[in-house]
Amino acid sequence: MTSGRGSKAALARQAWSLMFDYLIRSAPRRTRSLAARGLTPNDSRALFTLSADEGKSMRSLAAAWQCDPSNATWIIDRLETLGLAERRSVPDDRRVKQVVLTVKGETTRAALLREFQQPPPELAALDRADLEKLVNVLRKLGRDASTGTNDG
């Protein structure tokens, strides 16, 4: 194994490329789950952003999704048509609308999450030691992403 900045950076690029390729190759499975419910990947992103308890304004959704407010409106319109989300007036300012998930939206999101969290066959086929290593690395990445640190 070689040392130095270039080799670590190259190894990180290779690891990321392999992870990215795997996620892209496994996307059709997730897309089929969405399509069976009349949803698109953008609808899914919206579904997983919203909650039934805490409403979000169209402006905050557009900012979170880094899109034009008209695109956010279009996505929420689709979710409303499917009965998955609804706009509610804010008691203090009836001009402002907050988007929340409906009961059907919560149920749909939970079902999708169960399906999405089922491991693909090739992942489930890995031996226990490899799975444990992978889980440990992914946990570390999750911690580093949430804290903004990298110790290595």
C-alpha atoms as a PDB file:
ATOM      1  CA  MET A   1       0.000   0.000   0.000  1.00  0.00           C
ATOM      2  CA  THR A   2       1.377   3.416  -0.905  1.00  0.00           C
ATOM      3  CA  SER A   3       1.324   6.450   1.332  1.00  0.00           C
ATOM      4  CA  GLY A   4       0.971  10.159   0.752  1.00  0.00           C
ATOM      5  CA  ARG A   5      -1.818  12.612   0.079  1.00  0.00           C
ATOM      6  CA  GLY A   6      -2.391  11.584  -3.514  1.00  0.00           C
ATOM      7  CA  SER A   7      -2.905   7.947  -2.711  1.00  0.00           C
ATOM      8  CA  LYS A   8      -5.371   8.618   0.103  1.00  0.00           C
ATOM      9  CA  ALA A   9      -7.314  11.024  -2.102  1.00  0.00           C
ATOM     10  CA  ALA A  10      -7.299   8.507  -4.945  1.00  0.00           C
ATOM     11  CA  LEU A  11      -8.519   5.785  -2.586  1.00  0.00           C
ATOM     12  CA  ALA A  12     -11.303   8.061  -1.299  1.00  0.00           C
ATOM     13  CA  ARG A  13     -12.350   8.805  -4.911  1.00  0.00           C
ATOM     14  CA  GLN A  14     -12.382   5.080  -5.687  1.00  0.00           C
ATOM     15  CA  ALA A  15     -14.473   4.307  -2.570  1.00  0.00           C
ATOM     16  CA  TRP A  16     -16.932   7.079  -3.365  1.00  0.00           C
ATOM     17  CA  SER A  17     -17.145   6.026  -7.020  1.00  0.00           C
ATOM     18  CA  LEU A  18     -17.927   2.442  -6.009  1.00  0.00           C
ATOM     19  CA  MET A  19     -20.578   3.544  -3.494  1.00  0.00           C
ATOM     20  CA  PHE A  20     -22.130   5.925  -5.997  1.00  0.00           C
ATOM     21  CA  ASP A  21     -22.169   3.290  -8.738  1.00  0.00           C
ATOM     22  CA  TYR A  22     -23.834   0.801  -6.378  1.00  0.00           C
ATOM     23  CA  LEU A  23     -26.529   3.316  -5.408  1.00  0.00           C
ATOM     24  CA  ILE A  24     -27.181   4.135  -9.059  1.00  0.00           C
ATOM     25  CA  ARG A  25     -27.359   0.441 -10.032  1.00  0.00           C
ATOM     26  CA  SER A  26     -29.797  -0.245  -7.187  1.00  0.00           C
ATOM     27  CA  ALA A  27     -32.007   2.769  -8.016  1.00  0.00           C
ATOM     28  CA  PRO A  28     -34.414   0.879 -10.322  1.00  0.00           C
ATOM     29  CA  ARG A  29     -35.632  -1.150  -7.356  1.00  0.00           C
ATOM     30  CA  ARG A  30     -36.502   2.039  -5.449  1.00  0.00           C
ATOM     31  CA  THR A  31     -37.997   3.617  -8.566  1.00  0.00           C
ATOM     32  CA  ARG A  32     -40.307   0.605  -9.004  1.00  0.00           C
ATOM     33  CA  SER A  33     -41.544   1.020  -5.420  1.00  0.00           C
ATOM     34  CA  LEU A  34     -42.272   4.669  -6.098  1.00  0.00           C
ATOM     35  CA  ALA A  35     -43.920   4.039  -9.468  1.00  0.00           C
ATOM     36  CA  ALA A  36     -46.250   1.445  -7.936  1.00  0.00           C
ATOM     37  CA  ARG A  37     -47.625   4.322  -5.856  1.00  0.00           C
ATOM     38  CA  GLY A  38     -47.656   6.879  -8.687  1.00  0.00           C
ATOM     39  CA  LEU A  39     -44.632   8.690  -7.253  1.00  0.00           C
ATOM     40  CA  THR A  40     -41.419  10.048  -8.733  1.00  0.00           C
ATOM     41  CA  PRO A  41     -38.021  10.361  -7.013  1.00  0.00           C
ATOM     42  CA  ASN A  42     -38.749  14.086  -6.450  1.00  0.00           C
ATOM     43  CA  ASP A  43     -42.070  13.153  -4.832  1.00  0.00           C
ATOM     44  CA  SER A  44     -40.145  10.768  -2.589  1.00  0.00           C
ATOM     45  CA  ARG A  45     -37.744  13.485  -1.535  1.00  0.00           C
ATOM     46  CA  ALA A  46     -40.728  15.663  -0.629  1.00  0.00           C
ATOM     47  CA  LEU A  47     -42.432  12.847   1.238  1.00  0.00           C
ATOM     48  CA  PHE A  48     -39.330  12.263   3.353  1.00  0.00           C
ATOM     49  CA  THR A  49     -38.927  16.020   4.028  1.00  0.00           C
ATOM     50  CA  LEU A  50     -42.437  16.606   5.329  1.00  0.00           C
ATOM     51  CA  SER A  51     -44.053  15.637   8.608  1.00  0.00           C
ATOM     52  CA  ALA A  52     -47.602  15.518   9.908  1.00  0.00           C
ATOM     53  CA  ASP A  53     -46.720  17.515  13.010  1.00  0.00           C
ATOM     54  CA  GLU A  54     -44.588  20.379  11.771  1.00  0.00           C
ATOM     55  CA  GLY A  55     -45.729  22.308   8.721  1.00  0.00           C
ATOM     56  CA  LYS A  56     -43.232  23.769   6.278  1.00  0.00           C
ATOM     57  CA  SER A  57     -43.728  26.774   4.056  1.00  0.00           C
ATOM     58  CA  MET A  58     -43.338  26.504   0.312  1.00  0.00           C
ATOM     59  CA  ARG A  59     -40.435  28.937   0.566  1.00  0.00           C
ATOM     60  CA  SER A  60     -38.603  26.751   3.105  1.00  0.00           C
ATOM     61  CA  LEU A  61     -39.248  23.633   1.007  1.00  0.00           C
ATOM     62  CA  ALA A  62     -37.895  25.316  -2.137  1.00  0.00           C
ATOM     63  CA  ALA A  63     -34.819  26.407  -0.175  1.00  0.00           C
ATOM     64  CA  ALA A  64     -34.267  22.917   1.271  1.00  0.00           C
ATOM     65  CA  TRP A  65     -34.689  21.303  -2.145  1.00  0.00           C
ATOM     66  CA  GLN A  66     -32.611  24.015  -3.842  1.00  0.00           C
ATOM     67  CA  CYS A  67     -35.231  24.587  -6.505  1.00  0.00           C
ATOM     68  CA  ASP A  68     -37.448  27.347  -7.779  1.00  0.00           C
ATOM     69  CA  PRO A  69     -40.579  27.861  -5.631  1.00  0.00           C
ATOM     70  CA  SER A  70     -42.726  27.023  -8.672  1.00  0.00           C
ATOM     71  CA  ASN A  71     -41.097  23.569  -8.812  1.00  0.00           C
ATOM     72  CA  ALA A  72     -41.772  23.041  -5.107  1.00  0.00           C
ATOM     73  CA  THR A  73     -45.378  24.070  -5.681  1.00  0.00           C
ATOM     74  CA  TRP A  74     -45.687  21.580  -8.536  1.00  0.00           C
ATOM     75  CA  ILE A  75     -44.334  18.743  -6.366  1.00  0.00           C
ATOM     76  CA  ILE A  76     -46.644  19.598  -3.469  1.00  0.00           C
ATOM     77  CA  ASP A  77     -49.582  19.851  -5.892  1.00  0.00           C
ATOM     78  CA  ARG A  78     -48.815  16.265  -6.986  1.00  0.00           C
ATOM     79  CA  LEU A  79     -48.674  15.046  -3.376  1.00  0.00           C
ATOM     80  CA  GLU A  80     -51.955  16.808  -2.609  1.00  0.00           C
ATOM     81  CA  THR A  81     -53.621  15.237  -5.640  1.00  0.00           C
ATOM     82  CA  LEU A  82     -52.513  11.826  -4.355  1.00  0.00           C
ATOM     83  CA  GLY A  83     -53.839  12.641  -0.879  1.00  0.00           C
ATOM     84  CA  LEU A  84     -50.359  12.467   0.678  1.00  0.00           C
ATOM     85  CA  ALA A  85     -49.950  16.107   1.760  1.00  0.00           C
ATOM     86  CA  GLU A  86     -52.077  19.145   2.397  1.00  0.00           C
ATOM     87  CA  ARG A  87     -51.630  22.876   2.766  1.00  0.00           C
ATOM     88  CA  ARG A  88     -52.911  24.396   5.990  1.00  0.00           C
ATOM     89  CA  SER A  89     -53.378  28.016   6.949  1.00  0.00           C
ATOM     90  CA  VAL A  90     -51.257  29.361   9.771  1.00  0.00           C
ATOM     91  CA  PRO A  91     -53.516  30.645  12.588  1.00  0.00           C
ATOM     92  CA  ASP A  92     -51.501  33.864  13.082  1.00  0.00           C
ATOM     93  CA  ASP A  93     -51.305  34.696   9.367  1.00  0.00           C
ATOM     94  CA  ARG A  94     -53.894  33.102   7.090  1.00  0.00           C
ATOM     95  CA  ARG A  95     -51.914  34.266   4.033  1.00  0.00           C
ATOM     96  CA  VAL A  96     -49.180  31.763   4.879  1.00  0.00           C
ATOM     97  CA  LYS A  97     -49.704  28.100   4.079  1.00  0.00           C
ATOM     98  CA  GLN A  98     -47.831  25.286   5.763  1.00  0.00           C
ATOM     99  CA  VAL A  99     -47.502  21.887   4.084  1.00  0.00           C
ATOM    100  CA  VAL A 100     -47.971  18.772   6.208  1.00  0.00           C
ATOM    101  CA  LEU A 101     -48.293  15.066   5.527  1.00  0.00           C
ATOM    102  CA  THR A 102     -51.716  13.487   5.717  1.00  0.00           C
ATOM    103  CA  VAL A 103     -52.308  10.156   7.430  1.00  0.00           C
ATOM    104  CA  LYS A 104     -52.061   8.531   4.000  1.00  0.00           C
ATOM    105  CA  GLY A 105     -48.773  10.385   3.441  1.00  0.00           C
ATOM    106  CA  GLU A 106     -47.357   9.080   6.716  1.00  0.00           C
ATOM    107  CA  THR A 107     -48.487   5.544   5.904  1.00  0.00           C
ATOM    108  CA  THR A 108     -47.007   5.732   2.402  1.00  0.00           C
ATOM    109  CA  ARG A 109     -43.722   7.114   3.698  1.00  0.00           C
ATOM    110  CA  ALA A 110     -43.484   4.348   6.318  1.00  0.00           C
ATOM    111  CA  ALA A 111     -44.172   1.668   3.686  1.00  0.00           C
ATOM    112  CA  LEU A 112     -41.541   3.128   1.358  1.00  0.00           C
ATOM    113  CA  LEU A 113     -39.014   3.304   4.178  1.00  0.00           C
ATOM    114  CA  ARG A 114     -39.594  -0.376   4.991  1.00  0.00           C
ATOM    115  CA  GLU A 115     -39.077  -1.287   1.330  1.00  0.00           C
ATOM    116  CA  PHE A 116     -36.054   0.981   0.859  1.00  0.00           C
ATOM    117  CA  GLN A 117     -34.390  -0.415   3.975  1.00  0.00           C
ATOM    118  CA  GLN A 118     -34.628  -4.012   2.759  1.00  0.00           C
ATOM    119  CA  PRO A 119     -31.090  -4.871   1.671  1.00  0.00           C
ATOM    120  CA  PRO A 120     -30.524  -5.771  -1.958  1.00  0.00           C
ATOM    121  CA  PRO A 121     -29.674  -9.471  -2.420  1.00  0.00           C
ATOM    122  CA  GLU A 122     -26.006  -8.839  -3.218  1.00  0.00           C
ATOM    123  CA  LEU A 123     -25.578  -6.886   0.017  1.00  0.00           C
ATOM    124  CA  ALA A 124     -27.396  -9.488   2.090  1.00  0.00           C
ATOM    125  CA  ALA A 125     -25.129 -12.141   0.551  1.00  0.00           C
ATOM    126  CA  LEU A 126     -21.960 -10.608   2.037  1.00  0.00           C
ATOM    127  CA  ASP A 127     -20.445 -12.550   4.912  1.00  0.00           C
ATOM    128  CA  ARG A 128     -20.940 -11.339   8.468  1.00  0.00           C
ATOM    129  CA  ALA A 129     -17.407  -9.958   8.863  1.00  0.00           C
ATOM    130  CA  ASP A 130     -17.718  -7.830   5.709  1.00  0.00           C
ATOM    131  CA  LEU A 131     -21.144  -6.561   6.801  1.00  0.00           C
ATOM    132  CA  GLU A 132     -19.794  -5.618  10.238  1.00  0.00           C
ATOM    133  CA  LYS A 133     -16.899  -3.698   8.648  1.00  0.00           C
ATOM    134  CA  LEU A 134     -19.273  -1.930   6.274  1.00  0.00           C
ATOM    135  CA  VAL A 135     -21.668  -0.977   9.091  1.00  0.00           C
ATOM    136  CA  ASN A 136     -18.786   0.403  11.172  1.00  0.00           C
ATOM    137  CA  VAL A 137     -17.474   2.506   8.283  1.00  0.00           C
ATOM    138  CA  LEU A 138     -20.932   3.823   7.402  1.00  0.00           C
ATOM    139  CA  ARG A 139     -21.611   4.703  11.042  1.00  0.00           C
ATOM    140  CA  LYS A 140     -18.354   6.633  11.106  1.00  0.00           C
ATOM    141  CA  LEU A 141     -19.298   8.464   7.920  1.00  0.00           C
ATOM    142  CA  GLY A 142     -22.680   9.319   9.427  1.00  0.00           C
ATOM    143  CA  ARG A 143     -21.062  10.726  12.573  1.00  0.00           C
ATOM    144  CA  ASP A 144     -18.531  12.706  10.552  1.00  0.00           C
ATOM    145  CA  ALA A 145     -21.249  14.125   8.299  1.00  0.00           C
ATOM    146  CA  SER A 146     -23.394  15.242  11.228  1.00  0.00           C
ATOM    147  CA  THR A 147     -20.514  16.850  13.113  1.00  0.00           C
ATOM    148  CA  GLY A 148     -18.591  18.133  10.109  1.00  0.00           C
ATOM    149  CA  THR A 149     -15.428  16.416  11.277  1.00  0.00           C
ATOM    150  CA  ASN A 150     -13.032  14.023   9.715  1.00  0.00           C
ATOM    151  CA  ASP A 151     -10.322  12.484  11.808  1.00  0.00           C
ATOM    152  CA  GLY A 152      -8.473  10.880   9.149  1.00  0.00           C
END
